[in-house]
């Protein structure tokens, strides 16, 4: 399993709109990709901005490449999201998953 980590910042006034877009449109589309296993979305206030961290899980690097293309480290950020963000990582970071929670309740 491979984890794809990506971060972005937005103004507090855009944070709720970005979260709605991310959870309501962007992630549901991405979750349909072959080999996608879902994501953790983290949010916190930092100074005068709101930071989002997305940790997406994929079955393999091949599954990530099928979604993101051969240049798979380049961030995939829809234009609708770009309008709400102050800045974002231009690349995603990938990790081999070595452990994960046995139980996650929200």
PDB file of N, CA and C in Angstrom:
ATOM      1  N   UNK A   1       0.852  -1.172   0.000  1.00  0.00           N
ATOM      2  CA  UNK A   1       0.000   0.000   0.000  1.00  0.00           C
ATOM      3  C   UNK A   1       0.895   1.231   0.000  1.00  0.00           C
ATOM      4  N   UNK A   2       0.469   2.261  -0.751  1.00  0.00           N
ATOM      5  CA  UNK A   2       1.211   3.507  -0.867  1.00  0.00           C
ATOM      6  C   UNK A   2       0.338   4.653  -0.376  1.00  0.00           C
ATOM      7  N   UNK A   3       0.937   5.551   0.400  1.00  0.00           N
ATOM      8  CA  UNK A   3       0.276   6.752   0.870  1.00  0.00           C
ATOM      9  C   UNK A   3       0.752   7.935   0.033  1.00  0.00           C
ATOM     10  N   UNK A   4      -0.176   8.767  -0.393  1.00  0.00           N
ATOM     11  CA  UNK A   4       0.127   9.983  -1.162  1.00  0.00           C
ATOM     12  C   UNK A   4      -0.242  11.164  -0.282  1.00  0.00           C
ATOM     13  N   UNK A   5       0.756  11.946   0.130  1.00  0.00           N
ATOM     14  CA  UNK A   5       0.550  13.058   1.052  1.00  0.00           C
ATOM     15  C   UNK A   5       0.673  14.376   0.306  1.00  0.00           C
ATOM     16  N   UNK A   6      -0.260  15.291   0.589  1.00  0.00           N
ATOM     17  CA  UNK A   6      -0.298  16.585  -0.091  1.00  0.00           C
ATOM     18  C   UNK A   6      -0.851  17.621   0.874  1.00  0.00           C
ATOM     19  N   UNK A   7      -0.323  18.866   0.804  1.00  0.00           N
ATOM     20  CA  UNK A   7      -0.756  19.921   1.715  1.00  0.00           C
ATOM     21  C   UNK A   7      -1.134  21.185   0.956  1.00  0.00           C
ATOM     22  N   UNK A   8      -2.055  21.954   1.561  1.00  0.00           N
ATOM     23  CA  UNK A   8      -2.491  23.223   0.978  1.00  0.00           C
ATOM     24  C   UNK A   8      -2.875  24.188   2.090  1.00  0.00           C
ATOM     25  N   UNK A   9      -2.818  25.475   1.775  1.00  0.00           N
ATOM     26  CA  UNK A   9      -3.227  26.531   2.694  1.00  0.00           C
ATOM     27  C   UNK A   9      -4.288  27.385   2.037  1.00  0.00           C
ATOM     28  N   UNK A  10      -5.226  27.872   2.855  1.00  0.00           N
ATOM     29  CA  UNK A  10      -6.210  28.813   2.334  1.00  0.00           C
ATOM     30  C   UNK A  10      -6.549  29.839   3.413  1.00  0.00           C
ATOM     31  N   UNK A  11      -7.160  30.918   2.977  1.00  0.00           N
ATOM     32  CA  UNK A  11      -7.623  31.937   3.910  1.00  0.00           C
ATOM     33  C   UNK A  11      -8.762  31.353   4.735  1.00  0.00           C
ATOM     34  N   UNK A  12      -8.878  31.780   6.000  1.00  0.00           N
ATOM     35  CA  UNK A  12      -9.989  31.272   6.824  1.00  0.00           C
ATOM     36  C   UNK A  12     -11.355  31.468   6.169  1.00  0.00           C
ATOM     37  N   UNK A  13     -11.506  32.543   5.417  1.00  0.00           N
ATOM     38  CA  UNK A  13     -12.791  32.816   4.762  1.00  0.00           C
ATOM     39  C   UNK A  13     -13.108  31.806   3.651  1.00  0.00           C
ATOM     40  N   UNK A  14     -12.096  31.098   3.149  1.00  0.00           N
ATOM     41  CA  UNK A  14     -12.306  30.088   2.100  1.00  0.00           C
ATOM     42  C   UNK A  14     -12.266  28.656   2.619  1.00  0.00           C
ATOM     43  N   UNK A  15     -11.915  28.474   3.885  1.00  0.00           N
ATOM     44  CA  UNK A  15     -11.665  27.127   4.413  1.00  0.00           C
ATOM     45  C   UNK A  15     -12.895  26.226   4.351  1.00  0.00           C
ATOM     46  N   UNK A  16     -14.034  26.709   4.775  1.00  0.00           N
ATOM     47  CA  UNK A  16     -15.232  25.858   4.762  1.00  0.00           C
ATOM     48  C   UNK A  16     -15.651  25.514   3.334  1.00  0.00           C
ATOM     49  N   UNK A  17     -15.560  26.490   2.421  1.00  0.00           N
ATOM     50  CA  UNK A  17     -15.912  26.233   1.023  1.00  0.00           C
ATOM     51  C   UNK A  17     -14.954  25.213   0.409  1.00  0.00           C
ATOM     52  N   UNK A  18     -13.665  25.339   0.714  1.00  0.00           N
ATOM     53  CA  UNK A  18     -12.707  24.369   0.180  1.00  0.00           C
ATOM     54  C   UNK A  18     -12.981  22.978   0.743  1.00  0.00           C
ATOM     55  N   UNK A  19     -13.248  22.887   2.035  1.00  0.00           N
ATOM     56  CA  UNK A  19     -13.527  21.584   2.635  1.00  0.00           C
ATOM     57  C   UNK A  19     -14.770  20.945   2.013  1.00  0.00           C
ATOM     58  N   UNK A  20     -15.809  21.736   1.776  1.00  0.00           N
ATOM     59  CA  UNK A  20     -17.013  21.199   1.132  1.00  0.00           C
ATOM     60  C   UNK A  20     -16.694  20.681  -0.272  1.00  0.00           C
ATOM     61  N   UNK A  21     -15.905  21.447  -1.017  1.00  0.00           N
ATOM     62  CA  UNK A  21     -15.520  21.023  -2.362  1.00  0.00           C
ATOM     63  C   UNK A  21     -14.689  19.745  -2.309  1.00  0.00           C
ATOM     64  N   UNK A  22     -13.728  19.706  -1.410  1.00  0.00           N
ATOM     65  CA  UNK A  22     -12.843  18.551  -1.273  1.00  0.00           C
ATOM     66  C   UNK A  22     -13.629  17.292  -0.907  1.00  0.00           C
ATOM     67  N   UNK A  23     -14.469  17.400   0.123  1.00  0.00           N
ATOM     68  CA  UNK A  23     -15.214  16.237   0.609  1.00  0.00           C
ATOM     69  C   UNK A  23     -16.409  15.872  -0.271  1.00  0.00           C
ATOM     70  N   UNK A  24     -17.003  16.874  -0.902  1.00  0.00           N
ATOM     71  CA  UNK A  24     -18.213  16.629  -1.668  1.00  0.00           C
ATOM     72  C   UNK A  24     -18.011  16.302  -3.131  1.00  0.00           C
ATOM     73  N   UNK A  25     -16.889  16.770  -3.720  1.00  0.00           N
ATOM     74  CA  UNK A  25     -16.679  16.560  -5.152  1.00  0.00           C
ATOM     75  C   UNK A  25     -15.337  15.920  -5.487  1.00  0.00           C
ATOM     76  N   UNK A  26     -14.254  16.510  -4.995  1.00  0.00           N
ATOM     77  CA  UNK A  26     -12.915  16.075  -5.406  1.00  0.00           C
ATOM     78  C   UNK A  26     -12.626  14.649  -4.948  1.00  0.00           C
ATOM     79  N   UNK A  27     -12.757  14.391  -3.653  1.00  0.00           N
ATOM     80  CA  UNK A  27     -12.437  13.055  -3.151  1.00  0.00           C
ATOM     81  C   UNK A  27     -13.388  11.977  -3.660  1.00  0.00           C
ATOM     82  N   UNK A  28     -14.703  12.217  -3.740  1.00  0.00           N
ATOM     83  CA  UNK A  28     -15.566  11.175  -4.296  1.00  0.00           C
ATOM     84  C   UNK A  28     -15.189  10.788  -5.733  1.00  0.00           C
ATOM     85  N   UNK A  29     -14.755  11.755  -6.536  1.00  0.00           N
ATOM     86  CA  UNK A  29     -14.299  11.430  -7.895  1.00  0.00           C
ATOM     87  C   UNK A  29     -13.030  10.597  -7.848  1.00  0.00           C
ATOM     88  N   UNK A  30     -12.088  11.025  -7.020  1.00  0.00           N
ATOM     89  CA  UNK A  30     -10.818  10.314  -6.922  1.00  0.00           C
ATOM     90  C   UNK A  30     -11.013   8.912  -6.352  1.00  0.00           C
ATOM     91  N   UNK A  31     -11.930   8.769  -5.423  1.00  0.00           N
ATOM     92  CA  UNK A  31     -12.178   7.461  -4.810  1.00  0.00           C
ATOM     93  C   UNK A  31     -12.670   6.426  -5.810  1.00  0.00           C
ATOM     94  N   UNK A  32     -13.122   6.865  -6.977  1.00  0.00           N
ATOM     95  CA  UNK A  32     -13.570   5.938  -8.014  1.00  0.00           C
ATOM     96  C   UNK A  32     -12.404   5.377  -8.824  1.00  0.00           C
ATOM     97  N   UNK A  33     -11.218   5.960  -8.666  1.00  0.00           N
ATOM     98  CA  UNK A  33     -10.054   5.488  -9.420  1.00  0.00           C
ATOM     99  C   UNK A  33      -9.694   4.068  -8.988  1.00  0.00           C
ATOM    100  N   UNK A  34      -9.318   3.260  -9.941  1.00  0.00           N
ATOM    101  CA  UNK A  34      -8.916   1.880  -9.668  1.00  0.00           C
ATOM    102  C   UNK A  34      -7.747   1.860  -8.694  1.00  0.00           C
ATOM    103  N   UNK A  35      -7.867   1.112  -7.620  1.00  0.00           N
ATOM    104  CA  UNK A  35      -6.791   0.990  -6.647  1.00  0.00           C
ATOM    105  C   UNK A  35      -6.779   2.055  -5.561  1.00  0.00           C
ATOM    106  N   UNK A  36      -7.713   2.990  -5.619  1.00  0.00           N
ATOM    107  CA  UNK A  36      -7.804   4.017  -4.576  1.00  0.00           C
ATOM    108  C   UNK A  36      -8.523   3.422  -3.366  1.00  0.00           C
ATOM    109  N   UNK A  37      -7.978   3.640  -2.181  1.00  0.00           N
ATOM    110  CA  UNK A  37      -8.530   3.043  -0.963  1.00  0.00           C
ATOM    111  C   UNK A  37      -9.084   4.071   0.016  1.00  0.00           C
ATOM    112  N   UNK A  38      -9.218   5.330  -0.416  1.00  0.00           N
ATOM    113  CA  UNK A  38      -9.763   6.366   0.442  1.00  0.00           C
ATOM    114  C   UNK A  38      -8.696   7.284   0.988  1.00  0.00           C
ATOM    115  N   UNK A  39      -9.131   8.250   1.805  1.00  0.00           N
ATOM    116  CA  UNK A  39      -8.208   9.282   2.278  1.00  0.00           C
ATOM    117  C   UNK A  39      -8.544   9.740   3.682  1.00  0.00           C
ATOM    118  N   UNK A  40      -7.515  10.234   4.349  1.00  0.00           N
ATOM    119  CA  UNK A  40      -7.661  11.012   5.572  1.00  0.00           C
ATOM    120  C   UNK A  40      -7.539  12.474   5.176  1.00  0.00           C
ATOM    121  N   UNK A  41      -8.416  13.325   5.699  1.00  0.00           N
ATOM    122  CA  UNK A  41      -8.319  14.770   5.484  1.00  0.00           C
ATOM    123  C   UNK A  41      -8.119  15.405   6.844  1.00  0.00           C
ATOM    124  N   UNK A  42      -7.027  16.145   6.976  1.00  0.00           N
ATOM    125  CA  UNK A  42      -6.669  16.807   8.230  1.00  0.00           C
ATOM    126  C   UNK A  42      -6.765  18.316   8.035  1.00  0.00           C
ATOM    127  N   UNK A  43      -7.213  19.013   9.075  1.00  0.00           N
ATOM    128  CA  UNK A  43      -7.388  20.468   8.993  1.00  0.00           C
ATOM    129  C   UNK A  43      -6.923  21.102  10.295  1.00  0.00           C
ATOM    130  N   UNK A  44      -6.207  22.219  10.152  1.00  0.00           N
ATOM    131  CA  UNK A  44      -5.801  22.964  11.342  1.00  0.00           C
ATOM    132  C   UNK A  44      -5.588  24.421  10.985  1.00  0.00           C
ATOM    133  N   UNK A  45      -5.748  25.288  12.003  1.00  0.00           N
ATOM    134  CA  UNK A  45      -5.458  26.710  11.834  1.00  0.00           C
ATOM    135  C   UNK A  45      -3.984  26.934  12.096  1.00  0.00           C
ATOM    136  N   UNK A  46      -3.340  27.685  11.198  1.00  0.00           N
ATOM    137  CA  UNK A  46      -1.921  27.999  11.307  1.00  0.00           C
ATOM    138  C   UNK A  46      -1.767  29.491  11.049  1.00  0.00           C
ATOM    139  N   UNK A  47      -1.347  30.219  12.091  1.00  0.00           N
ATOM    140  CA  UNK A  47      -1.195  31.672  11.969  1.00  0.00           C
ATOM    141  C   UNK A  47      -2.508  32.250  11.430  1.00  0.00           C
ATOM    142  N   UNK A  48      -2.475  32.892  10.266  1.00  0.00           N
ATOM    143  CA  UNK A  48      -3.680  33.513   9.697  1.00  0.00           C
ATOM    144  C   UNK A  48      -4.253  32.713   8.535  1.00  0.00           C
ATOM    145  N   UNK A  49      -3.944  31.419   8.479  1.00  0.00           N
ATOM    146  CA  UNK A  49      -4.429  30.576   7.397  1.00  0.00           C
ATOM    147  C   UNK A  49      -4.952  29.259   7.957  1.00  0.00           C
ATOM    148  N   UNK A  50      -5.560  28.486   7.095  1.00  0.00           N
ATOM    149  CA  UNK A  50      -6.027  27.154   7.448  1.00  0.00           C
ATOM    150  C   UNK A  50      -5.276  26.167   6.559  1.00  0.00           C
ATOM    151  N   UNK A  51      -4.663  25.171   7.195  1.00  0.00           N
ATOM    152  CA  UNK A  51      -3.899  24.164   6.468  1.00  0.00           C
ATOM    153  C   UNK A  51      -4.722  22.888   6.343  1.00  0.00           C
ATOM    154  N   UNK A  52      -4.687  22.312   5.153  1.00  0.00           N
ATOM    155  CA  UNK A  52      -5.290  21.013   4.898  1.00  0.00           C
ATOM    156  C   UNK A  52      -4.183  20.047   4.507  1.00  0.00           C
ATOM    157  N   UNK A  53      -4.241  18.854   5.048  1.00  0.00           N
ATOM    158  CA  UNK A  53      -3.338  17.778   4.672  1.00  0.00           C
ATOM    159  C   UNK A  53      -4.216  16.614   4.224  1.00  0.00           C
ATOM    160  N   UNK A  54      -3.921  16.096   3.038  1.00  0.00           N
ATOM    161  CA  UNK A  54      -4.666  14.954   2.516  1.00  0.00           C
ATOM    162  C   UNK A  54      -3.702  13.781   2.422  1.00  0.00           C
ATOM    163  N   UNK A  55      -4.058  12.693   3.082  1.00  0.00           N
ATOM    164  CA  UNK A  55      -3.277  11.462   3.034  1.00  0.00           C
ATOM    165  C   UNK A  55      -4.151  10.435   2.324  1.00  0.00           C
ATOM    166  N   UNK A  56      -3.830  10.192   1.072  1.00  0.00           N
ATOM    167  CA  UNK A  56      -4.620   9.281   0.256  1.00  0.00           C
ATOM    168  C   UNK A  56      -3.935   7.929   0.209  1.00  0.00           C
ATOM    169  N   UNK A  57      -4.698   6.875   0.262  1.00  0.00           N
ATOM    170  CA  UNK A  57      -4.149   5.523   0.236  1.00  0.00           C
ATOM    171  C   UNK A  57      -4.471   4.840  -1.086  1.00  0.00           C
ATOM    172  N   UNK A  58      -3.455   4.214  -1.665  1.00  0.00           N
ATOM    173  CA  UNK A  58      -3.600   3.488  -2.923  1.00  0.00           C
ATOM    174  C   UNK A  58      -3.018   2.096  -2.765  1.00  0.00           C
ATOM    175  N   UNK A  59      -3.541   1.158  -3.533  1.00  0.00           N
ATOM    176  CA  UNK A  59      -3.059  -0.228  -3.477  1.00  0.00           C
ATOM    177  C   UNK A  59      -1.603  -0.344  -3.917  1.00  0.00           C
ATOM    178  N   UNK A  60      -1.183   0.500  -4.878  1.00  0.00           N
ATOM    179  CA  UNK A  60       0.160   0.375  -5.433  1.00  0.00           C
ATOM    180  C   UNK A  60       0.580   1.666  -6.116  1.00  0.00           C
ATOM    181  N   UNK A  61       1.848   1.752  -6.444  1.00  0.00           N
ATOM    182  CA  UNK A  61       2.360   2.884  -7.205  1.00  0.00           C
ATOM    183  C   UNK A  61       1.744   2.894  -8.609  1.00  0.00           C
ATOM    184  N   UNK A  62       1.502   1.734  -9.161  1.00  0.00           N
ATOM    185  CA  UNK A  62       0.844   1.662 -10.467  1.00  0.00           C
ATOM    186  C   UNK A  62      -0.549   2.290 -10.421  1.00  0.00           C
ATOM    187  N   UNK A  63      -1.266   2.100  -9.332  1.00  0.00           N
ATOM    188  CA  UNK A  63      -2.590   2.705  -9.185  1.00  0.00           C
ATOM    189  C   UNK A  63      -2.481   4.229  -9.134  1.00  0.00           C
ATOM    190  N   UNK A  64      -1.456   4.742  -8.475  1.00  0.00           N
ATOM    191  CA  UNK A  64      -1.238   6.193  -8.430  1.00  0.00           C
ATOM    192  C   UNK A  64      -0.915   6.709  -9.830  1.00  0.00           C
ATOM    193  N   UNK A  65      -0.058   6.004 -10.542  1.00  0.00           N
ATOM    194  CA  UNK A  65       0.304   6.420 -11.900  1.00  0.00           C
ATOM    195  C   UNK A  65      -0.909   6.392 -12.829  1.00  0.00           C
ATOM    196  N   UNK A  66      -1.799   5.435 -12.642  1.00  0.00           N
ATOM    197  CA  UNK A  66      -3.012   5.370 -13.462  1.00  0.00           C
ATOM    198  C   UNK A  66      -3.879   6.600 -13.219  1.00  0.00           C
ATOM    199  N   UNK A  67      -3.894   7.102 -11.984  1.00  0.00           N
ATOM    200  CA  UNK A  67      -4.672   8.286 -11.634  1.00  0.00           C
ATOM    201  C   UNK A  67      -3.950   9.572 -12.030  1.00  0.00           C
ATOM    202  N   UNK A  68      -2.664   9.690 -11.675  1.00  0.00           N
ATOM    203  CA  UNK A  68      -1.932  10.947 -11.808  1.00  0.00           C
ATOM    204  C   UNK A  68      -1.083  11.047 -13.072  1.00  0.00           C
ATOM    205  N   UNK A  69      -0.837   9.929 -13.753  1.00  0.00           N
ATOM    206  CA  UNK A  69      -0.007   9.951 -14.948  1.00  0.00           C
ATOM    207  C   UNK A  69       1.422   9.555 -14.637  1.00  0.00           C
ATOM    208  N   UNK A  70       2.236   9.523 -15.683  1.00  0.00           N
ATOM    209  CA  UNK A  70       3.633   9.105 -15.525  1.00  0.00           C
ATOM    210  C   UNK A  70       4.409  10.028 -14.589  1.00  0.00           C
ATOM    211  N   UNK A  71       4.083  11.331 -14.617  1.00  0.00           N
ATOM    212  CA  UNK A  71       4.708  12.288 -13.700  1.00  0.00           C
ATOM    213  C   UNK A  71       3.874  12.317 -12.419  1.00  0.00           C
ATOM    214  N   UNK A  72       3.790  11.159 -11.777  1.00  0.00           N
ATOM    215  CA  UNK A  72       2.838  10.936 -10.681  1.00  0.00           C
ATOM    216  C   UNK A  72       3.083  11.782  -9.441  1.00  0.00           C
ATOM    217  N   UNK A  73       4.275  12.366  -9.297  1.00  0.00           N
ATOM    218  CA  UNK A  73       4.532  13.202  -8.126  1.00  0.00           C
ATOM    219  C   UNK A  73       3.912  14.596  -8.255  1.00  0.00           C
ATOM    220  N   UNK A  74       3.558  15.002  -9.463  1.00  0.00           N
ATOM    221  CA  UNK A  74       2.923  16.300  -9.664  1.00  0.00           C
ATOM    222  C   UNK A  74       1.528  16.285  -9.044  1.00  0.00           C
ATOM    223  N   UNK A  75       1.221  17.320  -8.277  1.00  0.00           N
ATOM    224  CA  UNK A  75      -0.090  17.414  -7.620  1.00  0.00           C
ATOM    225  C   UNK A  75      -1.204  17.534  -8.663  1.00  0.00           C
ATOM    226  N   UNK A  76      -2.313  16.895  -8.375  1.00  0.00           N
ATOM    227  CA  UNK A  76      -3.495  16.980  -9.225  1.00  0.00           C
ATOM    228  C   UNK A  76      -4.501  17.833  -8.463  1.00  0.00           C
ATOM    229  N   UNK A  77      -4.649  19.108  -8.897  1.00  0.00           N
ATOM    230  CA  UNK A  77      -5.495  20.067  -8.189  1.00  0.00           C
ATOM    231  C   UNK A  77      -6.454  20.700  -9.192  1.00  0.00           C
ATOM    232  N   UNK A  78      -7.746  20.399  -9.093  1.00  0.00           N
ATOM    233  CA  UNK A  78      -8.712  20.968 -10.040  1.00  0.00           C
ATOM    234  C   UNK A  78      -8.759  22.497  -9.953  1.00  0.00           C
ATOM    235  N   UNK A  79      -9.113  23.137 -11.050  1.00  0.00           N
ATOM    236  CA  UNK A  79      -9.175  24.610 -11.078  1.00  0.00           C
ATOM    237  C   UNK A  79     -10.170  25.149 -10.048  1.00  0.00           C
ATOM    238  N   UNK A  80     -11.246  24.421  -9.790  1.00  0.00           N
ATOM    239  CA  UNK A  80     -12.221  24.865  -8.787  1.00  0.00           C
ATOM    240  C   UNK A  80     -11.596  24.934  -7.399  1.00  0.00           C
ATOM    241  N   UNK A  81     -10.654  24.056  -7.116  1.00  0.00           N
ATOM    242  CA  UNK A  81      -9.949  24.076  -5.830  1.00  0.00           C
ATOM    243  C   UNK A  81      -8.880  25.155  -5.819  1.00  0.00           C
ATOM    244  N   UNK A  82      -8.175  25.314  -6.919  1.00  0.00           N
ATOM    245  CA  UNK A  82      -7.111  26.328  -7.000  1.00  0.00           C
ATOM    246  C   UNK A  82      -7.626  27.716  -6.669  1.00  0.00           C
ATOM    247  N   UNK A  83      -8.857  28.016  -7.074  1.00  0.00           N
ATOM    248  CA  UNK A  83      -9.438  29.342  -6.816  1.00  0.00           C
ATOM    249  C   UNK A  83      -9.612  29.621  -5.325  1.00  0.00           C
ATOM    250  N   UNK A  84      -9.745  28.572  -4.526  1.00  0.00           N
ATOM    251  CA  UNK A  84      -9.988  28.746  -3.090  1.00  0.00           C
ATOM    252  C   UNK A  84      -8.716  28.686  -2.252  1.00  0.00           C
ATOM    253  N   UNK A  85      -7.623  28.222  -2.840  1.00  0.00           N
ATOM    254  CA  UNK A  85      -6.385  28.010  -2.086  1.00  0.00           C
ATOM    255  C   UNK A  85      -5.440  29.200  -2.212  1.00  0.00           C
ATOM    256  N   UNK A  86      -4.759  29.521  -1.106  1.00  0.00           N
ATOM    257  CA  UNK A  86      -3.724  30.554  -1.125  1.00  0.00           C
ATOM    258  C   UNK A  86      -2.424  29.980  -1.676  1.00  0.00           C
ATOM    259  N   UNK A  87      -2.139  28.733  -1.328  1.00  0.00           N
ATOM    260  CA  UNK A  87      -0.949  28.038  -1.825  1.00  0.00           C
ATOM    261  C   UNK A  87      -1.155  26.547  -1.629  1.00  0.00           C
ATOM    262  N   UNK A  88      -0.361  25.765  -2.372  1.00  0.00           N
ATOM    263  CA  UNK A  88      -0.431  24.315  -2.215  1.00  0.00           C
ATOM    264  C   UNK A  88       0.859  23.698  -2.713  1.00  0.00           C
ATOM    265  N   UNK A  89       1.129  22.495  -2.221  1.00  0.00           N
ATOM    266  CA  UNK A  89       2.289  21.740  -2.679  1.00  0.00           C
ATOM    267  C   UNK A  89       2.132  21.453  -4.167  1.00  0.00           C
ATOM    268  N   UNK A  90       3.174  21.713  -4.912  1.00  0.00           N
ATOM    269  CA  UNK A  90       3.149  21.429  -6.344  1.00  0.00           C
ATOM    270  C   UNK A  90       3.352  19.938  -6.615  1.00  0.00           C
ATOM    271  N   UNK A  91       3.894  19.253  -5.614  1.00  0.00           N
ATOM    272  CA  UNK A  91       4.110  17.815  -5.745  1.00  0.00           C
ATOM    273  C   UNK A  91       3.528  17.102  -4.531  1.00  0.00           C
ATOM    274  N   UNK A  92       3.217  15.841  -4.726  1.00  0.00           N
ATOM    275  CA  UNK A  92       2.772  14.984  -3.634  1.00  0.00           C
ATOM    276  C   UNK A  92       3.945  14.106  -3.228  1.00  0.00           C
ATOM    277  N   UNK A  93       3.958  13.727  -1.964  1.00  0.00           N
ATOM    278  CA  UNK A  93       4.998  12.860  -1.426  1.00  0.00           C
ATOM    279  C   UNK A  93       4.399  11.475  -1.214  1.00  0.00           C
ATOM    280  N   UNK A  94       5.167  10.453  -1.539  1.00  0.00           N
ATOM    281  CA  UNK A  94       4.671   9.080  -1.457  1.00  0.00           C
ATOM    282  C   UNK A  94       5.475   8.265  -0.449  1.00  0.00           C
ATOM    283  N   UNK A  95       4.766   7.437   0.302  1.00  0.00           N
ATOM    284  CA  UNK A  95       5.372   6.602   1.333  1.00  0.00           C
ATOM    285  C   UNK A  95       4.820   5.189   1.230  1.00  0.00           C
ATOM    286  N   UNK A  96       5.648   4.206   1.532  1.00  0.00           N
ATOM    287  CA  UNK A  96       5.158   2.847   1.735  1.00  0.00           C
ATOM    288  C   UNK A  96       4.470   2.820   3.089  1.00  0.00           C
ATOM    289  N   UNK A  97       3.271   2.283   3.154  1.00  0.00           N
ATOM    290  CA  UNK A  97       2.542   2.185   4.423  1.00  0.00           C
ATOM    291  C   UNK A  97       3.042   0.946   5.156  1.00  0.00           C
ATOM    292  N   UNK A  98       3.504   1.136   6.382  1.00  0.00           N
ATOM    293  CA  UNK A  98       4.058   0.050   7.184  1.00  0.00           C
ATOM    294  C   UNK A  98       3.145  -0.377   8.327  1.00  0.00           C
ATOM    295  N   UNK A  99       2.224   0.508   8.701  1.00  0.00           N
ATOM    296  CA  UNK A  99       1.246   0.179   9.748  1.00  0.00           C
ATOM    297  C   UNK A  99       0.049   1.094   9.559  1.00  0.00           C
ATOM    298  N   UNK A 100      -1.085   0.644  10.035  1.00  0.00           N
ATOM    299  CA  UNK A 100      -2.289   1.454   9.971  1.00  0.00           C
ATOM    300  C   UNK A 100      -3.204   1.081  11.135  1.00  0.00           C
ATOM    301  N   UNK A 101      -4.157   1.978  11.462  1.00  0.00           N
ATOM    302  CA  UNK A 101      -5.041   1.669  12.583  1.00  0.00           C
ATOM    303  C   UNK A 101      -5.868   0.424  12.310  1.00  0.00           C
ATOM    304  N   UNK A 102      -6.086  -0.337  13.354  1.00  0.00           N
ATOM    305  CA  UNK A 102      -6.950  -1.505  13.235  1.00  0.00           C
ATOM    306  C   UNK A 102      -8.414  -1.096  13.291  1.00  0.00           C
ATOM    307  N   UNK A 103      -8.654  -0.007  13.990  1.00  0.00           N
ATOM    308  CA  UNK A 103     -10.037   0.437  14.159  1.00  0.00           C
ATOM    309  C   UNK A 103     -10.066   1.947  14.117  1.00  0.00           C
ATOM    310  N   UNK A 104     -10.911   2.486  13.293  1.00  0.00           N
ATOM    311  CA  UNK A 104     -11.078   3.932  13.200  1.00  0.00           C
ATOM    312  C   UNK A 104     -12.554   4.240  13.296  1.00  0.00           C
ATOM    313  N   UNK A 105     -12.948   4.955  14.340  1.00  0.00           N
ATOM    314  CA  UNK A 105     -14.335   5.388  14.512  1.00  0.00           C
ATOM    315  C   UNK A 105     -14.353   6.916  14.473  1.00  0.00           C
ATOM    316  N   UNK A 106     -15.347   7.448  13.806  1.00  0.00           N
ATOM    317  CA  UNK A 106     -15.496   8.911  13.775  1.00  0.00           C
ATOM    318  C   UNK A 106     -16.898   9.283  14.131  1.00  0.00           C
TER     319      UNK A 106
END
